[in-house]
Amino acid sequence: TLSCAASGFPFSWYTIRWYRQAPDKQRELVEGIGSGY
């Protein structure tokens, strides 16, 4: 289980996404969750 802890901005307004990037590959969107869940 990965965690992403945020501070310094209105977190609940933001869409939060997890990306991953392997060496020599493009960054890939894994999952995202919007302000409306």
PDB file of all heavy atoms in Angstrom:
ATOM      1  N   THR A   1       0.847  -1.186   0.000  1.00  0.00           N
ATOM      2  CA  THR A   1       0.000   0.000   0.000  1.00  0.00           C
ATOM      3  C   THR A   1       0.886   1.240   0.000  1.00  0.00           C
ATOM      4  O   THR A   1       1.692   1.435   0.912  1.00  0.00           O
ATOM      5  CB  THR A   1      -0.917   0.038   1.229  1.00  0.00           C
ATOM      6  OG1 THR A   1      -1.757  -1.109   1.240  1.00  0.00           O
ATOM      7  CG2 THR A   1      -1.800   1.288   1.200  1.00  0.00           C
ATOM      8  N   LEU A   2       0.751   2.033  -1.034  1.00  0.00           N
ATOM      9  CA  LEU A   2       1.464   3.299  -1.114  1.00  0.00           C
ATOM     10  C   LEU A   2       0.602   4.411  -0.529  1.00  0.00           C
ATOM     11  O   LEU A   2      -0.620   4.386  -0.661  1.00  0.00           O
ATOM     12  CB  LEU A   2       1.807   3.645  -2.566  1.00  0.00           C
ATOM     13  CG  LEU A   2       2.594   2.606  -3.354  1.00  0.00           C
ATOM     14  CD1 LEU A   2       2.919   3.160  -4.751  1.00  0.00           C
ATOM     15  CD2 LEU A   2       3.846   2.186  -2.633  1.00  0.00           C
ATOM     16  N   SER A   3       1.273   5.371   0.093  1.00  0.00           N
ATOM     17  CA  SER A   3       0.593   6.552   0.627  1.00  0.00           C
ATOM     18  C   SER A   3       1.182   7.806   0.020  1.00  0.00           C
ATOM     19  O   SER A   3       2.380   7.857  -0.251  1.00  0.00           O
ATOM     20  CB  SER A   3       0.738   6.617   2.150  1.00  0.00           C
ATOM     21  OG  SER A   3       0.172   5.505   2.781  1.00  0.00           O
ATOM     22  N   CYS A   4       0.335   8.780  -0.175  1.00  0.00           N
ATOM     23  CA  CYS A   4       0.759  10.094  -0.659  1.00  0.00           C
ATOM     24  C   CYS A   4       0.198  11.125   0.304  1.00  0.00           C
ATOM     25  O   CYS A   4      -1.014  11.378   0.307  1.00  0.00           O
ATOM     26  CB  CYS A   4       0.253  10.330  -2.070  1.00  0.00           C
ATOM     27  SG  CYS A   4       0.517  12.012  -2.683  1.00  0.00           S
ATOM     28  N   ALA A   5       1.057  11.699   1.116  1.00  0.00           N
ATOM     29  CA  ALA A   5       0.645  12.683   2.115  1.00  0.00           C
ATOM     30  C   ALA A   5       0.905  14.083   1.573  1.00  0.00           C
ATOM     31  O   ALA A   5       2.017  14.381   1.132  1.00  0.00           O
ATOM     32  CB  ALA A   5       1.408  12.473   3.410  1.00  0.00           C
ATOM     33  N   ALA A   6      -0.124  14.914   1.610  1.00  0.00           N
ATOM     34  CA  ALA A   6      -0.042  16.245   1.005  1.00  0.00           C
ATOM     35  C   ALA A   6      -0.113  17.338   2.058  1.00  0.00           C
ATOM     36  O   ALA A   6      -0.716  17.162   3.123  1.00  0.00           O
ATOM     37  CB  ALA A   6      -1.178  16.425   0.000  1.00  0.00           C
ATOM     38  N   SER A   7       0.496  18.462   1.738  1.00  0.00           N
ATOM     39  CA  SER A   7       0.408  19.632   2.596  1.00  0.00           C
ATOM     40  C   SER A   7       0.674  20.879   1.771  1.00  0.00           C
ATOM     41  O   SER A   7       1.284  20.818   0.694  1.00  0.00           O
ATOM     42  CB  SER A   7       1.412  19.556   3.748  1.00  0.00           C
ATOM     43  OG  SER A   7       2.729  19.485   3.259  1.00  0.00           O
ATOM     44  N   GLY A   8       0.164  22.018   2.253  1.00  0.00           N
ATOM     45  CA  GLY A   8       0.460  23.285   1.611  1.00  0.00           C
ATOM     46  C   GLY A   8      -0.500  23.719   0.520  1.00  0.00           C
ATOM     47  O   GLY A   8      -0.274  24.754  -0.119  1.00  0.00           O
ATOM     48  N   PHE A   9      -1.562  22.964   0.299  1.00  0.00           N
ATOM     49  CA  PHE A   9      -2.560  23.345  -0.693  1.00  0.00           C
ATOM     50  C   PHE A   9      -3.896  22.711  -0.303  1.00  0.00           C
ATOM     51  O   PHE A   9      -3.930  21.780   0.504  1.00  0.00           O
ATOM     52  CB  PHE A   9      -2.127  22.933  -2.107  1.00  0.00           C
ATOM     53  CG  PHE A   9      -1.996  21.448  -2.321  1.00  0.00           C
ATOM     54  CD1 PHE A   9      -3.038  20.712  -2.862  1.00  0.00           C
ATOM     55  CD2 PHE A   9      -0.814  20.782  -2.003  1.00  0.00           C
ATOM     56  CE1 PHE A   9      -2.916  19.343  -3.079  1.00  0.00           C
ATOM     57  CE2 PHE A   9      -0.678  19.425  -2.209  1.00  0.00           C
ATOM     58  CZ  PHE A   9      -1.735  18.697  -2.734  1.00  0.00           C
ATOM     59  N   PRO A  10      -5.000  23.223  -0.861  1.00  0.00           N
ATOM     60  CA  PRO A  10      -6.330  22.706  -0.484  1.00  0.00           C
ATOM     61  C   PRO A  10      -6.568  21.316  -1.069  1.00  0.00           C
ATOM     62  O   PRO A  10      -7.174  21.155  -2.133  1.00  0.00           O
ATOM     63  CB  PRO A  10      -7.287  23.749  -1.054  1.00  0.00           C
ATOM     64  CG  PRO A  10      -6.539  24.394  -2.167  1.00  0.00           C
ATOM     65  CD  PRO A  10      -5.104  24.385  -1.763  1.00  0.00           C
ATOM     66  N   PHE A  11      -6.122  20.335  -0.367  1.00  0.00           N
ATOM     67  CA  PHE A  11      -6.059  18.953  -0.848  1.00  0.00           C
ATOM     68  C   PHE A  11      -7.389  18.456  -1.407  1.00  0.00           C
ATOM     69  O   PHE A  11      -7.429  17.812  -2.444  1.00  0.00           O
ATOM     70  CB  PHE A  11      -5.603  18.063   0.300  1.00  0.00           C
ATOM     71  CG  PHE A  11      -5.542  16.604  -0.015  1.00  0.00           C
ATOM     72  CD1 PHE A  11      -4.468  16.088  -0.711  1.00  0.00           C
ATOM     73  CD2 PHE A  11      -6.551  15.747   0.397  1.00  0.00           C
ATOM     74  CE1 PHE A  11      -4.400  14.734  -1.006  1.00  0.00           C
ATOM     75  CE2 PHE A  11      -6.501  14.396   0.115  1.00  0.00           C
ATOM     76  CZ  PHE A  11      -5.415  13.889  -0.591  1.00  0.00           C
ATOM     77  N   SER A  12      -8.478  18.737  -0.727  1.00  0.00           N
ATOM     78  CA  SER A  12      -9.768  18.160  -1.125  1.00  0.00           C
ATOM     79  C   SER A  12     -10.229  18.652  -2.488  1.00  0.00           C
ATOM     80  O   SER A  12     -11.087  18.031  -3.116  1.00  0.00           O
ATOM     81  CB  SER A  12     -10.831  18.453  -0.066  1.00  0.00           C
ATOM     82  OG  SER A  12     -11.046  19.849   0.029  1.00  0.00           O
ATOM     83  N   TRP A  13      -9.704  19.761  -2.964  1.00  0.00           N
ATOM     84  CA  TRP A  13     -10.092  20.286  -4.277  1.00  0.00           C
ATOM     85  C   TRP A  13      -9.376  19.562  -5.414  1.00  0.00           C
ATOM     86  O   TRP A  13      -9.810  19.642  -6.564  1.00  0.00           O
ATOM     87  CB  TRP A  13      -9.746  21.772  -4.386  1.00  0.00           C
ATOM     88  CG  TRP A  13     -10.459  22.657  -3.434  1.00  0.00           C
ATOM     89  CD1 TRP A  13     -11.382  22.311  -2.489  1.00  0.00           C
ATOM     90  CD2 TRP A  13     -10.263  24.062  -3.309  1.00  0.00           C
ATOM     91  NE1 TRP A  13     -11.785  23.426  -1.788  1.00  0.00           N
ATOM     92  CE2 TRP A  13     -11.117  24.516  -2.276  1.00  0.00           C
ATOM     93  CE3 TRP A  13      -9.459  24.990  -3.973  1.00  0.00           C
ATOM     94  CZ2 TRP A  13     -11.170  25.858  -1.895  1.00  0.00           C
ATOM     95  CZ3 TRP A  13      -9.534  26.326  -3.601  1.00  0.00           C
ATOM     96  CH2 TRP A  13     -10.386  26.744  -2.564  1.00  0.00           C
ATOM     97  N   TYR A  14      -8.280  18.914  -5.092  1.00  0.00           N
ATOM     98  CA  TYR A  14      -7.364  18.425  -6.109  1.00  0.00           C
ATOM     99  C   TYR A  14      -7.646  16.990  -6.538  1.00  0.00           C
ATOM    100  O   TYR A  14      -7.985  16.129  -5.711  1.00  0.00           O
ATOM    101  CB  TYR A  14      -5.927  18.503  -5.601  1.00  0.00           C
ATOM    102  CG  TYR A  14      -5.298  19.850  -5.757  1.00  0.00           C
ATOM    103  CD1 TYR A  14      -5.807  20.951  -5.055  1.00  0.00           C
ATOM    104  CD2 TYR A  14      -4.219  20.047  -6.606  1.00  0.00           C
ATOM    105  CE1 TYR A  14      -5.240  22.205  -5.207  1.00  0.00           C
ATOM    106  CE2 TYR A  14      -3.648  21.297  -6.757  1.00  0.00           C
ATOM    107  CZ  TYR A  14      -4.165  22.373  -6.057  1.00  0.00           C
ATOM    108  OH  TYR A  14      -3.606  23.603  -6.220  1.00  0.00           O
ATOM    109  N   THR A  15      -7.479  16.745  -7.831  1.00  0.00           N
ATOM    110  CA  THR A  15      -7.391  15.383  -8.326  1.00  0.00           C
ATOM    111  C   THR A  15      -5.985  14.870  -8.021  1.00  0.00           C
ATOM    112  O   THR A  15      -4.988  15.548  -8.314  1.00  0.00           O
ATOM    113  CB  THR A  15      -7.648  15.327  -9.836  1.00  0.00           C
ATOM    114  OG1 THR A  15      -9.018  15.696 -10.082  1.00  0.00           O
ATOM    115  CG2 THR A  15      -7.391  13.947 -10.387  1.00  0.00           C
ATOM    116  N   ILE A  16      -5.926  13.699  -7.448  1.00  0.00           N
ATOM    117  CA  ILE A  16      -4.636  13.090  -7.112  1.00  0.00           C
ATOM    118  C   ILE A  16      -4.457  11.842  -7.964  1.00  0.00           C
ATOM    119  O   ILE A  16      -5.372  10.996  -8.034  1.00  0.00           O
ATOM    120  CB  ILE A  16      -4.555  12.717  -5.622  1.00  0.00           C
ATOM    121  CG1 ILE A  16      -4.869  13.933  -4.735  1.00  0.00           C
ATOM    122  CG2 ILE A  16      -3.162  12.148  -5.309  1.00  0.00           C
ATOM    123  CD1 ILE A  16      -3.885  15.068  -4.839  1.00  0.00           C
ATOM    124  N   ARG A  17      -3.330  11.757  -8.601  1.00  0.00           N
ATOM    125  CA  ARG A  17      -3.052  10.631  -9.488  1.00  0.00           C
ATOM    126  C   ARG A  17      -1.723   9.963  -9.106  1.00  0.00           C
ATOM    127  O   ARG A  17      -0.785  10.636  -8.670  1.00  0.00           O
ATOM    128  CB  ARG A  17      -2.990  11.079 -10.941  1.00  0.00           C
ATOM    129  CG  ARG A  17      -4.293  11.671 -11.472  1.00  0.00           C
ATOM    130  CD  ARG A  17      -4.159  12.088 -12.927  1.00  0.00           C
ATOM    131  NE  ARG A  17      -5.424  12.590 -13.482  1.00  0.00           N
ATOM    132  CZ  ARG A  17      -5.745  13.872 -13.527  1.00  0.00           C
ATOM    133  NH1 ARG A  17      -4.921  14.790 -13.071  1.00  0.00           N
ATOM    134  NH2 ARG A  17      -6.902  14.237 -14.040  1.00  0.00           N
ATOM    135  N   TRP A  18      -1.697   8.681  -9.304  1.00  0.00           N
ATOM    136  CA  TRP A  18      -0.450   7.923  -9.203  1.00  0.00           C
ATOM    137  C   TRP A  18       0.040   7.624 -10.618  1.00  0.00           C
ATOM    138  O   TRP A  18      -0.729   7.138 -11.464  1.00  0.00           O
ATOM    139  CB  TRP A  18      -0.662   6.611  -8.450  1.00  0.00           C
ATOM    140  CG  TRP A  18      -0.812   6.768  -6.985  1.00  0.00           C
ATOM    141  CD1 TRP A  18      -1.982   6.815  -6.278  1.00  0.00           C
ATOM    142  CD2 TRP A  18       0.239   6.888  -6.021  1.00  0.00           C
ATOM    143  NE1 TRP A  18      -1.716   6.955  -4.941  1.00  0.00           N
ATOM    144  CE2 TRP A  18      -0.356   6.997  -4.754  1.00  0.00           C
ATOM    145  CE3 TRP A  18       1.626   6.892  -6.110  1.00  0.00           C
ATOM    146  CZ2 TRP A  18       0.381   7.132  -3.587  1.00  0.00           C
ATOM    147  CZ3 TRP A  18       2.364   7.023  -4.946  1.00  0.00           C
ATOM    148  CH2 TRP A  18       1.741   7.146  -3.704  1.00  0.00           C
ATOM    149  N   TYR A  19       1.308   7.931 -10.854  1.00  0.00           N
ATOM    150  CA  TYR A  19       1.974   7.604 -12.095  1.00  0.00           C
ATOM    151  C   TYR A  19       3.153   6.682 -11.779  1.00  0.00           C
ATOM    152  O   TYR A  19       3.627   6.615 -10.637  1.00  0.00           O
ATOM    153  CB  TYR A  19       2.519   8.868 -12.774  1.00  0.00           C
ATOM    154  CG  TYR A  19       1.485   9.773 -13.369  1.00  0.00           C
ATOM    155  CD1 TYR A  19       0.807  10.704 -12.586  1.00  0.00           C
ATOM    156  CD2 TYR A  19       1.183   9.730 -14.732  1.00  0.00           C
ATOM    157  CE1 TYR A  19      -0.137  11.550 -13.135  1.00  0.00           C
ATOM    158  CE2 TYR A  19       0.246  10.581 -15.290  1.00  0.00           C
ATOM    159  CZ  TYR A  19      -0.413  11.482 -14.486  1.00  0.00           C
ATOM    160  OH  TYR A  19      -1.345  12.323 -15.037  1.00  0.00           O
ATOM    161  N   ARG A  20       3.625   6.007 -12.779  1.00  0.00           N
ATOM    162  CA  ARG A  20       4.864   5.244 -12.650  1.00  0.00           C
ATOM    163  C   ARG A  20       5.691   5.414 -13.906  1.00  0.00           C
ATOM    164  O   ARG A  20       5.157   5.656 -14.991  1.00  0.00           O
ATOM    165  CB  ARG A  20       4.577   3.768 -12.376  1.00  0.00           C
ATOM    166  CG  ARG A  20       3.819   3.031 -13.458  1.00  0.00           C
ATOM    167  CD  ARG A  20       3.440   1.637 -12.963  1.00  0.00           C
ATOM    168  NE  ARG A  20       2.750   0.871 -13.990  1.00  0.00           N
ATOM    169  CZ  ARG A  20       2.223  -0.331 -13.783  1.00  0.00           C
ATOM    170  NH1 ARG A  20       2.303  -0.909 -12.582  1.00  0.00           N
ATOM    171  NH2 ARG A  20       1.620  -0.968 -14.777  1.00  0.00           N
ATOM    172  N   GLN A  21       6.985   5.292 -13.729  1.00  0.00           N
ATOM    173  CA  GLN A  21       7.888   5.481 -14.853  1.00  0.00           C
ATOM    174  C   GLN A  21       9.100   4.591 -14.680  1.00  0.00           C
ATOM    175  O   GLN A  21       9.887   4.762 -13.742  1.00  0.00           O
ATOM    176  CB  GLN A  21       8.322   6.945 -14.968  1.00  0.00           C
ATOM    177  CG  GLN A  21       9.152   7.225 -16.200  1.00  0.00           C
ATOM    178  CD  GLN A  21       9.370   8.706 -16.432  1.00  0.00           C
ATOM    179  OE1 GLN A  21       9.231   9.529 -15.526  1.00  0.00           O
ATOM    180  NE2 GLN A  21       9.694   9.070 -17.666  1.00  0.00           N
ATOM    181  N   ALA A  22       9.248   3.676 -15.599  1.00  0.00           N
ATOM    182  CA  ALA A  22      10.422   2.817 -15.633  1.00  0.00           C
ATOM    183  C   ALA A  22      11.508   3.504 -16.458  1.00  0.00           C
ATOM    184  O   ALA A  22      11.199   4.359 -17.298  1.00  0.00           O
ATOM    185  CB  ALA A  22      10.053   1.471 -16.236  1.00  0.00           C
ATOM    186  N   PRO A  23      12.765   3.117 -16.240  1.00  0.00           N
ATOM    187  CA  PRO A  23      13.851   3.711 -17.020  1.00  0.00           C
ATOM    188  C   PRO A  23      13.616   3.556 -18.526  1.00  0.00           C
ATOM    189  O   PRO A  23      13.160   2.503 -18.979  1.00  0.00           O
ATOM    190  CB  PRO A  23      15.074   2.918 -16.570  1.00  0.00           C
ATOM    191  CG  PRO A  23      14.739   2.460 -15.196  1.00  0.00           C
ATOM    192  CD  PRO A  23      13.263   2.184 -15.227  1.00  0.00           C
ATOM    193  N   ASP A  24      13.833   4.599 -19.250  1.00  0.00           N
ATOM    194  CA  ASP A  24      13.708   4.606 -20.711  1.00  0.00           C
ATOM    195  C   ASP A  24      12.279   4.379 -21.193  1.00  0.00           C
ATOM    196  O   ASP A  24      12.072   3.991 -22.351  1.00  0.00           O
ATOM    197  CB  ASP A  24      14.642   3.559 -21.348  1.00  0.00           C
ATOM    198  CG  ASP A  24      16.101   3.814 -21.012  1.00  0.00           C
ATOM    199  OD1 ASP A  24      16.483   4.999 -20.942  1.00  0.00           O
ATOM    200  OD2 ASP A  24      16.839   2.841 -20.808  1.00  0.00           O
ATOM    201  N   LYS A  25      11.318   4.615 -20.325  1.00  0.00           N
ATOM    202  CA  LYS A  25       9.913   4.484 -20.720  1.00  0.00           C
ATOM    203  C   LYS A  25       9.156   5.755 -20.363  1.00  0.00           C
ATOM    204  O   LYS A  25       9.571   6.520 -19.494  1.00  0.00           O
ATOM    205  CB  LYS A  25       9.263   3.273 -20.054  1.00  0.00           C
ATOM    206  CG  LYS A  25       9.771   1.944 -20.560  1.00  0.00           C
ATOM    207  CD  LYS A  25       8.926   0.800 -20.030  1.00  0.00           C
ATOM    208  CE  LYS A  25       9.379  -0.525 -20.603  1.00  0.00           C
ATOM    209  NZ  LYS A  25       8.561  -1.656 -20.116  1.00  0.00           N
ATOM    210  N   GLN A  26       8.023   5.957 -21.033  1.00  0.00           N
ATOM    211  CA  GLN A  26       7.202   7.119 -20.737  1.00  0.00           C
ATOM    212  C   GLN A  26       6.494   6.946 -19.389  1.00  0.00           C
ATOM    213  O   GLN A  26       6.208   5.826 -18.966  1.00  0.00           O
ATOM    214  CB  GLN A  26       6.157   7.319 -21.841  1.00  0.00           C
ATOM    215  CG  GLN A  26       6.727   7.884 -23.132  1.00  0.00           C
ATOM    216  CD  GLN A  26       5.640   8.301 -24.097  1.00  0.00           C
ATOM    217  OE1 GLN A  26       4.566   7.715 -24.126  1.00  0.00           O
ATOM    218  NE2 GLN A  26       5.911   9.339 -24.871  1.00  0.00           N
ATOM    219  N   ARG A  27       6.216   8.075 -18.760  1.00  0.00           N
ATOM    220  CA  ARG A  27       5.456   8.039 -17.522  1.00  0.00           C
ATOM    221  C   ARG A  27       4.048   7.540 -17.821  1.00  0.00           C
ATOM    222  O   ARG A  27       3.412   7.985 -18.776  1.00  0.00           O
ATOM    223  CB  ARG A  27       5.431   9.429 -16.893  1.00  0.00           C
ATOM    224  CG  ARG A  27       4.819   9.479 -15.507  1.00  0.00           C
ATOM    225  CD  ARG A  27       5.121  10.796 -14.837  1.00  0.00           C
ATOM    226  NE  ARG A  27       6.540  10.912 -14.501  1.00  0.00           N
ATOM    227  CZ  ARG A  27       7.065  11.944 -13.870  1.00  0.00           C
ATOM    228  NH1 ARG A  27       6.295  12.969 -13.514  1.00  0.00           N
ATOM    229  NH2 ARG A  27       8.358  11.996 -13.602  1.00  0.00           N
ATOM    230  N   GLU A  28       3.559   6.647 -16.993  1.00  0.00           N
ATOM    231  CA  GLU A  28       2.265   5.993 -17.207  1.00  0.00           C
ATOM    232  C   GLU A  28       1.324   6.327 -16.060  1.00  0.00           C
ATOM    233  O   GLU A  28       1.690   6.202 -14.885  1.00  0.00           O
ATOM    234  CB  GLU A  28       2.461   4.470 -17.282  1.00  0.00           C
ATOM    235  CG  GLU A  28       1.179   3.669 -17.335  1.00  0.00           C
ATOM    236  CD  GLU A  28       1.404   2.177 -17.156  1.00  0.00           C
ATOM    237  OE1 GLU A  28       2.454   1.794 -16.614  1.00  0.00           O
ATOM    238  OE2 GLU A  28       0.512   1.403 -17.549  1.00  0.00           O
ATOM    239  N   LEU A  29       0.103   6.737 -16.396  1.00  0.00           N
ATOM    240  CA  LEU A  29      -0.913   6.937 -15.374  1.00  0.00           C
ATOM    241  C   LEU A  29      -1.358   5.587 -14.838  1.00  0.00           C
ATOM    242  O   LEU A  29      -1.705   4.696 -15.604  1.00  0.00           O
ATOM    243  CB  LEU A  29      -2.109   7.686 -15.956  1.00  0.00           C
ATOM    244  CG  LEU A  29      -3.332   7.811 -15.040  1.00  0.00           C
ATOM    245  CD1 LEU A  29      -3.016   8.652 -13.812  1.00  0.00           C
ATOM    246  CD2 LEU A  29      -4.509   8.403 -15.810  1.00  0.00           C
ATOM    247  N   VAL A  30      -1.339   5.440 -13.532  1.00  0.00           N
ATOM    248  CA  VAL A  30      -1.755   4.193 -12.896  1.00  0.00           C
ATOM    249  C   VAL A  30      -3.208   4.295 -12.443  1.00  0.00           C
ATOM    250  O   VAL A  30      -4.058   3.531 -12.878  1.00  0.00           O
ATOM    251  CB  VAL A  30      -0.841   3.856 -11.698  1.00  0.00           C
ATOM    252  CG1 VAL A  30      -1.302   2.562 -11.028  1.00  0.00           C
ATOM    253  CG2 VAL A  30       0.598   3.748 -12.147  1.00  0.00           C
ATOM    254  N   GLU A  31      -3.466   5.235 -11.549  1.00  0.00           N
ATOM    255  CA  GLU A  31      -4.829   5.461 -11.061  1.00  0.00           C
ATOM    256  C   GLU A  31      -4.951   6.905 -10.620  1.00  0.00           C
ATOM    257  O   GLU A  31      -3.980   7.536 -10.248  1.00  0.00           O
ATOM    258  CB  GLU A  31      -5.153   4.551  -9.864  1.00  0.00           C
ATOM    259  CG  GLU A  31      -5.276   3.097 -10.197  1.00  0.00           C
ATOM    260  CD  GLU A  31      -6.432   2.404  -9.472  1.00  0.00           C
ATOM    261  OE1 GLU A  31      -7.342   3.081  -8.981  1.00  0.00           O
ATOM    262  OE2 GLU A  31      -6.390   1.175  -9.399  1.00  0.00           O
ATOM    263  N   GLY A  32      -6.177   7.410 -10.667  1.00  0.00           N
ATOM    264  CA  GLY A  32      -6.444   8.757 -10.203  1.00  0.00           C
ATOM    265  C   GLY A  32      -7.766   8.814  -9.461  1.00  0.00           C
ATOM    266  O   GLY A  32      -8.651   7.981  -9.685  1.00  0.00           O
ATOM    267  N   ILE A  33      -7.876   9.808  -8.571  1.00  0.00           N
ATOM    268  CA  ILE A  33      -9.122  10.004  -7.834  1.00  0.00           C
ATOM    269  C   ILE A  33      -9.399  11.492  -7.769  1.00  0.00           C
ATOM    270  O   ILE A  33      -8.524  12.287  -7.381  1.00  0.00           O
ATOM    271  CB  ILE A  33      -9.059   9.353  -6.441  1.00  0.00           C
ATOM    272  CG1 ILE A  33     -10.413   9.446  -5.742  1.00  0.00           C
ATOM    273  CG2 ILE A  33      -7.945   9.938  -5.586  1.00  0.00           C
ATOM    274  CD1 ILE A  33     -10.533   8.521  -4.523  1.00  0.00           C
ATOM    275  N   GLY A  34     -10.609  11.872  -8.167  1.00  0.00           N
ATOM    276  CA  GLY A  34     -10.969  13.273  -8.199  1.00  0.00           C
ATOM    277  C   GLY A  34     -11.524  13.772  -6.877  1.00  0.00           C
ATOM    278  O   GLY A  34     -11.679  13.017  -5.918  1.00  0.00           O
ATOM    279  N   SER A  35     -11.844  15.057  -6.866  1.00  0.00           N
ATOM    280  CA  SER A  35     -12.402  15.654  -5.657  1.00  0.00           C
ATOM    281  C   SER A  35     -13.755  15.059  -5.299  1.00  0.00           C
ATOM    282  O   SER A  35     -14.146  15.062  -4.135  1.00  0.00           O
ATOM    283  CB  SER A  35     -12.518  17.171  -5.827  1.00  0.00           C
ATOM    284  OG  SER A  35     -13.337  17.472  -6.946  1.00  0.00           O
ATOM    285  N   GLY A  36     -14.447  14.527  -6.295  1.00  0.00           N
ATOM    286  CA  GLY A  36     -15.728  13.870  -6.058  1.00  0.00           C
ATOM    287  C   GLY A  36     -15.596  12.370  -5.892  1.00  0.00           C
ATOM    288  O   GLY A  36     -16.596  11.659  -5.968  1.00  0.00           O
ATOM    289  N   TYR A  37     -14.382  11.910  -5.657  1.00  0.00           N
ATOM    290  CA  TYR A  37     -14.076  10.487  -5.443  1.00  0.00           C
ATOM    291  C   TYR A  37     -14.275   9.644  -6.708  1.00  0.00           C
ATOM    292  O   TYR A  37     -14.320   8.407  -6.622  1.00  0.00           O
ATOM    293  CB  TYR A  37     -14.882   9.904  -4.276  1.00  0.00           C
ATOM    294  CG  TYR A  37     -14.544  10.539  -2.949  1.00  0.00           C
ATOM    295  CD1 TYR A  37     -15.177  11.700  -2.529  1.00  0.00           C
ATOM    296  CD2 TYR A  37     -13.565   9.985  -2.122  1.00  0.00           C
ATOM    297  CE1 TYR A  37     -14.848  12.302  -1.322  1.00  0.00           C
ATOM    298  CE2 TYR A  37     -13.233  10.574  -0.914  1.00  0.00           C
ATOM    299  CZ  TYR A  37     -13.872  11.727  -0.519  1.00  0.00           C
ATOM    300  OH  TYR A  37     -13.546  12.323   0.679  1.00  0.00           O
TER     301      TYR A  37
END
